[in-house]
C-alpha atoms as a PDB file:
ATOM      1  CA  UNK A   1       8.741 -12.413 -10.753  1.00  0.00           C
ATOM      2  CA  UNK A   2       8.893 -11.579  -7.124  1.00  0.00           C
ATOM      3  CA  UNK A   3       7.074  -8.549  -5.738  1.00  0.00           C
ATOM      4  CA  UNK A   4       7.700  -7.032  -2.249  1.00  0.00           C
ATOM      5  CA  UNK A   5       4.649  -4.906  -1.099  1.00  0.00           C
ATOM      6  CA  UNK A   6       5.495  -2.776   2.085  1.00  0.00           C
ATOM      7  CA  UNK A   7       2.405  -1.741   4.277  1.00  0.00           C
ATOM      8  CA  UNK A   8       1.471   2.020   4.885  1.00  0.00           C
ATOM      9  CA  UNK A   9       4.662   3.941   5.597  1.00  0.00           C
ATOM     10  CA  UNK A  10       3.677   6.285   8.737  1.00  0.00           C
ATOM     11  CA  UNK A  11       6.134   9.304   9.215  1.00  0.00           C
ATOM     12  CA  UNK A  12       9.543   9.536   9.770  1.00  0.00           C
ATOM     13  CA  UNK A  13       9.475   6.597  11.931  1.00  0.00           C
ATOM     14  CA  UNK A  14       8.265   4.658   8.926  1.00  0.00           C
ATOM     15  CA  UNK A  15      10.755   6.323   6.305  1.00  0.00           C
ATOM     16  CA  UNK A  16      13.503   5.378   8.988  1.00  0.00           C
ATOM     17  CA  UNK A  17      12.503   1.827   9.224  1.00  0.00           C
ATOM     18  CA  UNK A  18      12.513   1.577   5.388  1.00  0.00           C
ATOM     19  CA  UNK A  19      16.010   3.108   5.447  1.00  0.00           C
ATOM     20  CA  UNK A  20      17.302   0.569   7.802  1.00  0.00           C
ATOM     21  CA  UNK A  21      15.774  -2.603   6.804  1.00  0.00           C
ATOM     22  CA  UNK A  22      15.090  -2.484   3.131  1.00  0.00           C
ATOM     23  CA  UNK A  23      18.604  -2.767   1.804  1.00  0.00           C
ATOM     24  CA  UNK A  24      19.026  -6.040   3.858  1.00  0.00           C
ATOM     25  CA  UNK A  25      15.533  -7.331   2.870  1.00  0.00           C
ATOM     26  CA  UNK A  26      16.258  -6.502  -0.916  1.00  0.00           C
ATOM     27  CA  UNK A  27      19.494  -8.507  -0.634  1.00  0.00           C
ATOM     28  CA  UNK A  28      18.006 -11.553   1.184  1.00  0.00           C
ATOM     29  CA  UNK A  29      14.682 -11.733  -0.746  1.00  0.00           C
ATOM     30  CA  UNK A  30      15.892 -10.425  -4.124  1.00  0.00           C
ATOM     31  CA  UNK A  31      12.399  -8.831  -5.189  1.00  0.00           C
ATOM     32  CA  UNK A  32      12.156  -7.636  -8.854  1.00  0.00           C
ATOM     33  CA  UNK A  33       9.756  -4.839  -7.714  1.00  0.00           C
ATOM     34  CA  UNK A  34       9.371  -3.012  -4.295  1.00  0.00           C
ATOM     35  CA  UNK A  35       6.322  -1.361  -3.854  1.00  0.00           C
ATOM     36  CA  UNK A  36       4.949   0.802  -0.955  1.00  0.00           C
ATOM     37  CA  UNK A  37       1.896   2.402   0.254  1.00  0.00           C
ATOM     38  CA  UNK A  38       2.582   6.111   0.849  1.00  0.00           C
ATOM     39  CA  UNK A  39      -0.302   7.852   1.936  1.00  0.00           C
ATOM     40  CA  UNK A  40       0.863   8.726   5.639  1.00  0.00           C
ATOM     41  CA  UNK A  41       4.555   9.006   4.825  1.00  0.00           C
ATOM     42  CA  UNK A  42       4.932  12.714   5.695  1.00  0.00           C
ATOM     43  CA  UNK A  43       4.072  13.445   9.478  1.00  0.00           C
ATOM     44  CA  UNK A  44       1.702  10.416   9.448  1.00  0.00           C
ATOM     45  CA  UNK A  45      -0.816  11.901   7.381  1.00  0.00           C
ATOM     46  CA  UNK A  46      -0.196  12.804   3.642  1.00  0.00           C
ATOM     47  CA  UNK A  47       2.667  12.839   1.486  1.00  0.00           C
ATOM     48  CA  UNK A  48       4.983  15.895   0.425  1.00  0.00           C
ATOM     49  CA  UNK A  49       7.255  15.946  -2.788  1.00  0.00           C
ATOM     50  CA  UNK A  50      10.156  15.860  -0.768  1.00  0.00           C
ATOM     51  CA  UNK A  51       9.248  12.679   1.183  1.00  0.00           C
ATOM     52  CA  UNK A  52       8.397  11.307  -2.481  1.00  0.00           C
ATOM     53  CA  UNK A  53      11.847  11.591  -3.542  1.00  0.00           C
ATOM     54  CA  UNK A  54      13.219  10.610  -0.448  1.00  0.00           C
ATOM     55  CA  UNK A  55      11.314   7.319  -0.589  1.00  0.00           C
ATOM     56  CA  UNK A  56      12.508   6.798  -4.210  1.00  0.00           C
ATOM     57  CA  UNK A  57      16.005   7.083  -3.280  1.00  0.00           C
ATOM     58  CA  UNK A  58      15.519   4.163  -0.777  1.00  0.00           C
ATOM     59  CA  UNK A  59      15.203   2.182  -4.051  1.00  0.00           C
ATOM     60  CA  UNK A  60      11.198   2.176  -4.386  1.00  0.00           C
ATOM     61  CA  UNK A  61       9.748   1.306  -7.513  1.00  0.00           C
ATOM     62  CA  UNK A  62       6.019   2.526  -7.071  1.00  0.00           C
ATOM     63  CA  UNK A  63       3.773   3.824  -4.661  1.00  0.00           C
ATOM     64  CA  UNK A  64       0.195   3.460  -3.994  1.00  0.00           C
ATOM     65  CA  UNK A  65      -2.151   5.656  -1.289  1.00  0.00           C
ATOM     66  CA  UNK A  66      -5.492   5.958  -0.279  1.00  0.00           C
ATOM     67  CA  UNK A  67      -7.868   8.381   1.466  1.00  0.00           C
ATOM     68  CA  UNK A  68      -5.116  10.669   3.012  1.00  0.00           C
ATOM     69  CA  UNK A  69      -2.994  11.183  -0.128  1.00  0.00           C
ATOM     70  CA  UNK A  70      -4.743  14.623  -0.237  1.00  0.00           C
ATOM     71  CA  UNK A  71      -3.793  16.006   3.321  1.00  0.00           C
ATOM     72  CA  UNK A  72      -0.676  17.481   1.909  1.00  0.00           C
ATOM     73  CA  UNK A  73      -1.065  19.803  -0.989  1.00  0.00           C
ATOM     74  CA  UNK A  74       2.554  20.039  -2.301  1.00  0.00           C
ATOM     75  CA  UNK A  75       2.031  16.152  -3.723  1.00  0.00           C
ATOM     76  CA  UNK A  76      -0.578  17.222  -6.283  1.00  0.00           C
ATOM     77  CA  UNK A  77       1.696  18.355  -8.911  1.00  0.00           C
ATOM     78  CA  UNK A  78       3.910  15.070  -8.588  1.00  0.00           C
ATOM     79  CA  UNK A  79       0.527  13.122  -8.921  1.00  0.00           C
ATOM     80  CA  UNK A  80      -0.075  14.561 -12.307  1.00  0.00           C
ATOM     81  CA  UNK A  81       3.871  14.498 -13.421  1.00  0.00           C
ATOM     82  CA  UNK A  82       5.007  10.836 -11.883  1.00  0.00           C
ATOM     83  CA  UNK A  83       3.249   8.043 -13.118  1.00  0.00           C
ATOM     84  CA  UNK A  84       4.940   5.723 -10.465  1.00  0.00           C
ATOM     85  CA  UNK A  85       2.571   7.071  -7.684  1.00  0.00           C
ATOM     86  CA  UNK A  86      -1.175   6.803  -7.852  1.00  0.00           C
ATOM     87  CA  UNK A  87      -4.248   7.358  -6.018  1.00  0.00           C
ATOM     88  CA  UNK A  88      -7.520   5.355  -5.758  1.00  0.00           C
ATOM     89  CA  UNK A  89      -9.057   4.670  -9.093  1.00  0.00           C
ATOM     90  CA  UNK A  90     -12.415   5.464  -8.119  1.00  0.00           C
ATOM     91  CA  UNK A  91     -11.898   8.955  -6.786  1.00  0.00           C
ATOM     92  CA  UNK A  92     -13.521  11.567  -9.027  1.00  0.00           C
ATOM     93  CA  UNK A  93     -11.991  12.019 -12.131  1.00  0.00           C
ATOM     94  CA  UNK A  94     -11.197  15.364 -11.560  1.00  0.00           C
ATOM     95  CA  UNK A  95      -8.542  14.294  -8.996  1.00  0.00           C
ATOM     96  CA  UNK A  96      -5.052  14.975  -9.639  1.00  0.00           C
ATOM     97  CA  UNK A  97      -3.227  12.128 -11.059  1.00  0.00           C
ATOM     98  CA  UNK A  98      -4.167   8.079 -12.098  1.00  0.00           C
ATOM     99  CA  UNK A  99      -5.421   5.152 -10.375  1.00  0.00           C
ATOM    100  CA  UNK A 100      -3.451   2.815 -12.142  1.00  0.00           C
ATOM    101  CA  UNK A 101      -0.043   2.385 -13.942  1.00  0.00           C
ATOM    102  CA  UNK A 102       2.543   0.176 -15.391  1.00  0.00           C
ATOM    103  CA  UNK A 103       6.276   0.014 -14.108  1.00  0.00           C
ATOM    104  CA  UNK A 104       9.077  -1.467 -15.558  1.00  0.00           C
ATOM    105  CA  UNK A 105      12.019  -3.285 -14.154  1.00  0.00           C
ATOM    106  CA  UNK A 106      14.922  -5.606 -15.485  1.00  0.00           C
ATOM    107  CA  UNK A 107      13.048  -5.954 -18.829  1.00  0.00           C
ATOM    108  CA  UNK A 108       9.538  -6.770 -16.426  1.00  0.00           C
ATOM    109  CA  UNK A 109       6.389  -5.180 -16.742  1.00  0.00           C
ATOM    110  CA  UNK A 110       3.952  -5.013 -13.554  1.00  0.00           C
ATOM    111  CA  UNK A 111       0.458  -3.466 -13.522  1.00  0.00           C
ATOM    112  CA  UNK A 112      -0.793  -1.701 -10.654  1.00  0.00           C
ATOM    113  CA  UNK A 113      -4.146  -0.414  -9.781  1.00  0.00           C
ATOM    114  CA  UNK A 114      -5.141   1.368  -6.451  1.00  0.00           C
ATOM    115  CA  UNK A 115      -8.808   1.155  -5.406  1.00  0.00           C
ATOM    116  CA  UNK A 116     -10.662   2.563  -2.208  1.00  0.00           C
ATOM    117  CA  UNK A 117     -13.431   0.945  -0.228  1.00  0.00           C
ATOM    118  CA  UNK A 118     -16.770   2.395   0.603  1.00  0.00           C
ATOM    119  CA  UNK A 119     -17.832   0.712   3.807  1.00  0.00           C
ATOM    120  CA  UNK A 120     -17.053   2.853   6.948  1.00  0.00           C
ATOM    121  CA  UNK A 121     -14.843   5.175   4.243  1.00  0.00           C
ATOM    122  CA  UNK A 122     -15.508   8.636   2.878  1.00  0.00           C
ATOM    123  CA  UNK A 123     -18.107   8.934  -0.098  1.00  0.00           C
ATOM    124  CA  UNK A 124     -16.614   7.580  -3.523  1.00  0.00           C
ATOM    125  CA  UNK A 125     -17.522   5.760  -6.557  1.00  0.00           C
ATOM    126  CA  UNK A 126     -17.757   1.913  -6.708  1.00  0.00           C
ATOM    127  CA  UNK A 127     -14.532   0.174  -6.263  1.00  0.00           C
ATOM    128  CA  UNK A 128     -16.270  -2.993  -7.997  1.00  0.00           C
ATOM    129  CA  UNK A 129     -17.010  -1.101 -11.299  1.00  0.00           C
ATOM    130  CA  UNK A 130     -13.884   0.710 -11.244  1.00  0.00           C
ATOM    131  CA  UNK A 131     -11.546  -2.374 -11.174  1.00  0.00           C
ATOM    132  CA  UNK A 132     -13.938  -4.015 -13.746  1.00  0.00           C
ATOM    133  CA  UNK A 133     -13.514  -0.977 -16.096  1.00  0.00           C
ATOM    134  CA  UNK A 134      -9.435  -1.034 -15.908  1.00  0.00           C
ATOM    135  CA  UNK A 135      -9.379  -4.700 -16.264  1.00  0.00           C
ATOM    136  CA  UNK A 136     -11.419  -4.778 -19.221  1.00  0.00           C
ATOM    137  CA  UNK A 137      -9.631  -1.443 -21.086  1.00  0.00           C
ATOM    138  CA  UNK A 138      -6.279  -1.536 -19.564  1.00  0.00           C
ATOM    139  CA  UNK A 139      -3.534  -4.211 -18.884  1.00  0.00           C
ATOM    140  CA  UNK A 140      -4.435  -6.382 -22.100  1.00  0.00           C
ATOM    141  CA  UNK A 141      -0.959  -7.575 -22.580  1.00  0.00           C
ATOM    142  CA  UNK A 142      -1.294 -10.371 -20.151  1.00  0.00           C
ATOM    143  CA  UNK A 143       1.099  -8.729 -17.663  1.00  0.00           C
ATOM    144  CA  UNK A 144       1.205  -9.318 -13.893  1.00  0.00           C
ATOM    145  CA  UNK A 145      -1.232  -7.023 -11.801  1.00  0.00           C
ATOM    146  CA  UNK A 146      -1.371  -5.926  -8.320  1.00  0.00           C
ATOM    147  CA  UNK A 147      -4.165  -4.441  -6.597  1.00  0.00           C
ATOM    148  CA  UNK A 148      -4.242  -2.376  -3.671  1.00  0.00           C
ATOM    149  CA  UNK A 149      -7.302  -2.123  -2.023  1.00  0.00           C
ATOM    150  CA  UNK A 150      -7.514   0.492   0.666  1.00  0.00           C
ATOM    151  CA  UNK A 151     -10.457  -0.390   2.925  1.00  0.00           C
ATOM    152  CA  UNK A 152     -11.981  -0.619   5.984  1.00  0.00           C
ATOM    153  CA  UNK A 153     -14.145  -3.373   6.430  1.00  0.00           C
ATOM    154  CA  UNK A 154     -12.443  -7.042   5.895  1.00  0.00           C
ATOM    155  CA  UNK A 155     -15.743  -8.098   4.393  1.00  0.00           C
ATOM    156  CA  UNK A 156     -15.550  -5.785   1.264  1.00  0.00           C
ATOM    157  CA  UNK A 157     -11.980  -6.593   1.331  1.00  0.00           C
ATOM    158  CA  UNK A 158     -12.464 -10.244   0.887  1.00  0.00           C
ATOM    159  CA  UNK A 159     -15.346  -9.817  -1.586  1.00  0.00           C
ATOM    160  CA  UNK A 160     -12.961  -7.819  -3.820  1.00  0.00           C
ATOM    161  CA  UNK A 161     -10.542 -10.534  -3.568  1.00  0.00           C
ATOM    162  CA  UNK A 162     -13.272 -13.031  -4.683  1.00  0.00           C
ATOM    163  CA  UNK A 163     -14.551 -10.689  -7.353  1.00  0.00           C
ATOM    164  CA  UNK A 164     -11.001 -10.326  -8.858  1.00  0.00           C
ATOM    165  CA  UNK A 165      -9.536 -13.756  -8.338  1.00  0.00           C
ATOM    166  CA  UNK A 166      -8.166 -15.191 -11.540  1.00  0.00           C
ATOM    167  CA  UNK A 167      -8.347 -11.722 -13.001  1.00  0.00           C
ATOM    168  CA  UNK A 168      -5.290 -10.200 -11.207  1.00  0.00           C
ATOM    169  CA  UNK A 169      -1.789 -11.381  -9.671  1.00  0.00           C
ATOM    170  CA  UNK A 170      -2.341 -10.289  -6.198  1.00  0.00           C
ATOM    171  CA  UNK A 171      -4.981  -8.239  -4.019  1.00  0.00           C
ATOM    172  CA  UNK A 172      -3.159  -6.546  -1.004  1.00  0.00           C
ATOM    173  CA  UNK A 173      -5.589  -4.792   1.362  1.00  0.00           C
ATOM    174  CA  UNK A 174      -4.319  -1.447   3.288  1.00  0.00           C
ATOM    175  CA  UNK A 175      -6.041   1.128   5.594  1.00  0.00           C
ATOM    176  CA  UNK A 176      -6.319  -0.403   8.848  1.00  0.00           C
ATOM    177  CA  UNK A 177      -2.325  -0.663   9.778  1.00  0.00           C
ATOM    178  CA  UNK A 178      -2.903  -3.984  11.651  1.00  0.00           C
ATOM    179  CA  UNK A 179      -1.293  -7.130   9.738  1.00  0.00           C
ATOM    180  CA  UNK A 180      -3.872 -10.062   9.359  1.00  0.00           C
ATOM    181  CA  UNK A 181      -2.800 -13.687   9.219  1.00  0.00           C
ATOM    182  CA  UNK A 182      -4.953 -14.842   6.263  1.00  0.00           C
ATOM    183  CA  UNK A 183      -2.290 -14.905   3.759  1.00  0.00           C
ATOM    184  CA  UNK A 184      -3.345 -17.124   0.880  1.00  0.00           C
ATOM    185  CA  UNK A 185      -3.290 -17.839  -2.719  1.00  0.00           C
ATOM    186  CA  UNK A 186      -6.934 -18.149  -4.098  1.00  0.00           C
ATOM    187  CA  UNK A 187      -8.333 -20.612  -6.432  1.00  0.00           C
ATOM    188  CA  UNK A 188      -7.826 -18.507  -9.533  1.00  0.00           C
ATOM    189  CA  UNK A 189      -4.298 -17.847  -8.689  1.00  0.00           C
ATOM    190  CA  UNK A 190      -4.633 -14.707  -6.982  1.00  0.00           C
ATOM    191  CA  UNK A 191      -2.594 -14.001  -4.030  1.00  0.00           C
ATOM    192  CA  UNK A 192      -4.418 -12.101  -0.905  1.00  0.00           C
ATOM    193  CA  UNK A 193      -4.069 -10.520   2.488  1.00  0.00           C
ATOM    194  CA  UNK A 194      -6.798  -8.527   4.285  1.00  0.00           C
ATOM    195  CA  UNK A 195      -4.300  -6.093   5.505  1.00  0.00           C
ATOM    196  CA  UNK A 196      -0.406  -6.169   5.063  1.00  0.00           C
ATOM    197  CA  UNK A 197       0.000  -3.828   8.095  1.00  0.00           C
ATOM    198  CA  UNK A 198       2.010  -0.623   8.623  1.00  0.00           C
ATOM    199  CA  UNK A 199       5.664   0.422   8.508  1.00  0.00           C
ATOM    200  CA  UNK A 200       6.589   2.623  11.769  1.00  0.00           C
ATOM    201  CA  UNK A 201       6.115   2.683  15.307  1.00  0.00           C
ATOM    202  CA  UNK A 202       3.817  -0.198  16.631  1.00  0.00           C
ATOM    203  CA  UNK A 203       3.982   0.767  20.069  1.00  0.00           C
ATOM    204  CA  UNK A 204       0.995   3.026  20.166  1.00  0.00           C
ATOM    205  CA  UNK A 205      -2.381   2.984  18.339  1.00  0.00           C
ATOM    206  CA  UNK A 206      -1.866   2.218  14.576  1.00  0.00           C
ATOM    207  CA  UNK A 207       1.037   4.485  13.922  1.00  0.00           C
ATOM    208  CA  UNK A 208       0.581   7.444  16.632  1.00  0.00           C
ATOM    209  CA  UNK A 209       1.487   7.551  20.407  1.00  0.00           C
ATOM    210  CA  UNK A 210      -1.271   6.538  22.745  1.00  0.00           C
ATOM    211  CA  UNK A 211      -0.867   9.664  24.646  1.00  0.00           C
ATOM    212  CA  UNK A 212      -2.252  11.737  21.381  1.00  0.00           C
ATOM    213  CA  UNK A 213      -4.813   9.325  20.302  1.00  0.00           C
ATOM    214  CA  UNK A 214      -6.510   7.880  23.501  1.00  0.00           C
ATOM    215  CA  UNK A 215      -8.273  11.271  24.632  1.00  0.00           C
ATOM    216  CA  UNK A 216     -10.395  11.082  21.356  1.00  0.00           C
ATOM    217  CA  UNK A 217     -11.932   8.071  22.808  1.00  0.00           C
ATOM    218  CA  UNK A 218     -12.430   8.905  25.955  1.00  0.00           C
ATOM    219  CA  UNK A 219     -13.664  12.471  25.577  1.00  0.00           C
ATOM    220  CA  UNK A 220     -14.898  12.687  21.982  1.00  0.00           C
ATOM    221  CA  UNK A 221     -12.789  15.948  21.630  1.00  0.00           C
ATOM    222  CA  UNK A 222     -10.365  16.833  18.461  1.00  0.00           C
ATOM    223  CA  UNK A 223      -7.030  15.802  19.285  1.00  0.00           C
ATOM    224  CA  UNK A 224      -3.684  16.259  17.249  1.00  0.00           C
ATOM    225  CA  UNK A 225      -2.180  12.869  16.794  1.00  0.00           C
ATOM    226  CA  UNK A 226       1.639  12.571  17.046  1.00  0.00           C
ATOM    227  CA  UNK A 227       3.484   9.870  15.356  1.00  0.00           C
ATOM    228  CA  UNK A 228       4.762   7.036  17.470  1.00  0.00           C
ATOM    229  CA  UNK A 229       8.433   5.963  17.571  1.00  0.00           C
ATOM    230  CA  UNK A 230       8.119   3.232  19.729  1.00  0.00           C
ATOM    231  CA  UNK A 231       8.666  -0.646  18.696  1.00  0.00           C
ATOM    232  CA  UNK A 232       9.373   0.445  15.075  1.00  0.00           C
ATOM    233  CA  UNK A 233       8.808  -2.580  12.540  1.00  0.00           C
ATOM    234  CA  UNK A 234       8.143  -3.128   8.888  1.00  0.00           C
ATOM    235  CA  UNK A 235       5.227  -4.909   7.811  1.00  0.00           C
ATOM    236  CA  UNK A 236       5.293  -6.602   4.238  1.00  0.00           C
ATOM    237  CA  UNK A 237       4.218  -9.094   2.349  1.00  0.00           C
ATOM    238  CA  UNK A 238       6.397 -11.208  -0.500  1.00  0.00           C
ATOM    239  CA  UNK A 239       4.489 -12.417  -3.469  1.00  0.00           C
ATOM    240  CA  UNK A 240       5.893 -14.817  -6.202  1.00  0.00           C
ATOM    241  CA  UNK A 241       4.204 -14.746  -9.438  1.00  0.00           C
ATOM    242  CA  UNK A 242       4.597 -17.007 -12.485  1.00  0.00           C
ATOM    243  CA  UNK A 243       5.716 -14.770 -15.363  1.00  0.00           C
ATOM    244  CA  UNK A 244       3.962 -16.599 -17.785  1.00  0.00           C
ATOM    245  CA  UNK A 245       0.496 -17.004 -16.544  1.00  0.00           C
ATOM    246  CA  UNK A 246       0.583 -14.225 -14.048  1.00  0.00           C
ATOM    247  CA  UNK A 247      -1.012 -16.529 -11.506  1.00  0.00           C
ATOM    248  CA  UNK A 248       0.576 -16.043  -7.957  1.00  0.00           C
ATOM    249  CA  UNK A 249       2.715 -19.200  -6.463  1.00  0.00           C
ATOM    250  CA  UNK A 250       3.143 -17.883  -3.152  1.00  0.00           C
ATOM    251  CA  UNK A 251       2.674 -15.067  -0.491  1.00  0.00           C
ATOM    252  CA  UNK A 252       4.560 -14.733   2.666  1.00  0.00           C
ATOM    253  CA  UNK A 253       4.067 -12.180   5.542  1.00  0.00           C
ATOM    254  CA  UNK A 254       6.900 -10.097   6.776  1.00  0.00           C
ATOM    255  CA  UNK A 255       7.164  -8.731  10.253  1.00  0.00           C
ATOM    256  CA  UNK A 256      10.656  -7.499  11.158  1.00  0.00           C
ATOM    257  CA  UNK A 257      11.541  -5.268  13.903  1.00  0.00           C
ATOM    258  CA  UNK A 258      14.065  -2.212  13.304  1.00  0.00           C
ATOM    259  CA  UNK A 259      16.655  -1.729  16.176  1.00  0.00           C
ATOM    260  CA  UNK A 260      17.548   1.803  16.443  1.00  0.00           C
ATOM    261  CA  UNK A 261      21.236   2.223  16.707  1.00  0.00           C
ATOM    262  CA  UNK A 262      22.170   4.200  19.936  1.00  0.00           C
END
């Protein structure tokens, strides 16, 4: 089984990059599943139902998210009705949607689990306990499971990867929007990268323009961030998983520039 996991899609630039590069990536890499983190896909923060449908039309099989998924109220209904999009499992149980799911493609199944970290993040239930609960009570058919751990601290992401090594097929870090170069297959057979990166404009500050973000650091005053449209790239990882053992065989980083047609 081959899974293409695409880093946080940021605003219209991110959706444009996907539309432009995903067809050739699918042709060349032949993934069985394409998964994205969608929490910033509409205007750089949150996701609308219209944006969700646009992403599905590009050939996306499943979506994970994070702390910004509630920033557009329009998505609340879809979180209840569409099992292909999930939010962090360790959010309050009263939140819309679910934190894990199983998606199918070409006769194959892939489990998805979304978790959110607690270090330097909004208060939330323990992600380690949430992961244990899901893995002990669901995904019992020995299917491959991919975890999106949406967290700030590299130490917390690394700790989770060791906690789940051999219990899941892959643990992919998201949230910081900067692709790390530590992709590896851990001893127990879990593919890991601290952060997959982001899809959108890399010419500013983690997806937004320098001009809109820098004043916040210089003055501490509230600022309205504007999505960056410069140096547009797709960050992703390609994970090969053994269908019988559900252990990862390989993980490769993808960092590809998108050239807009003039």
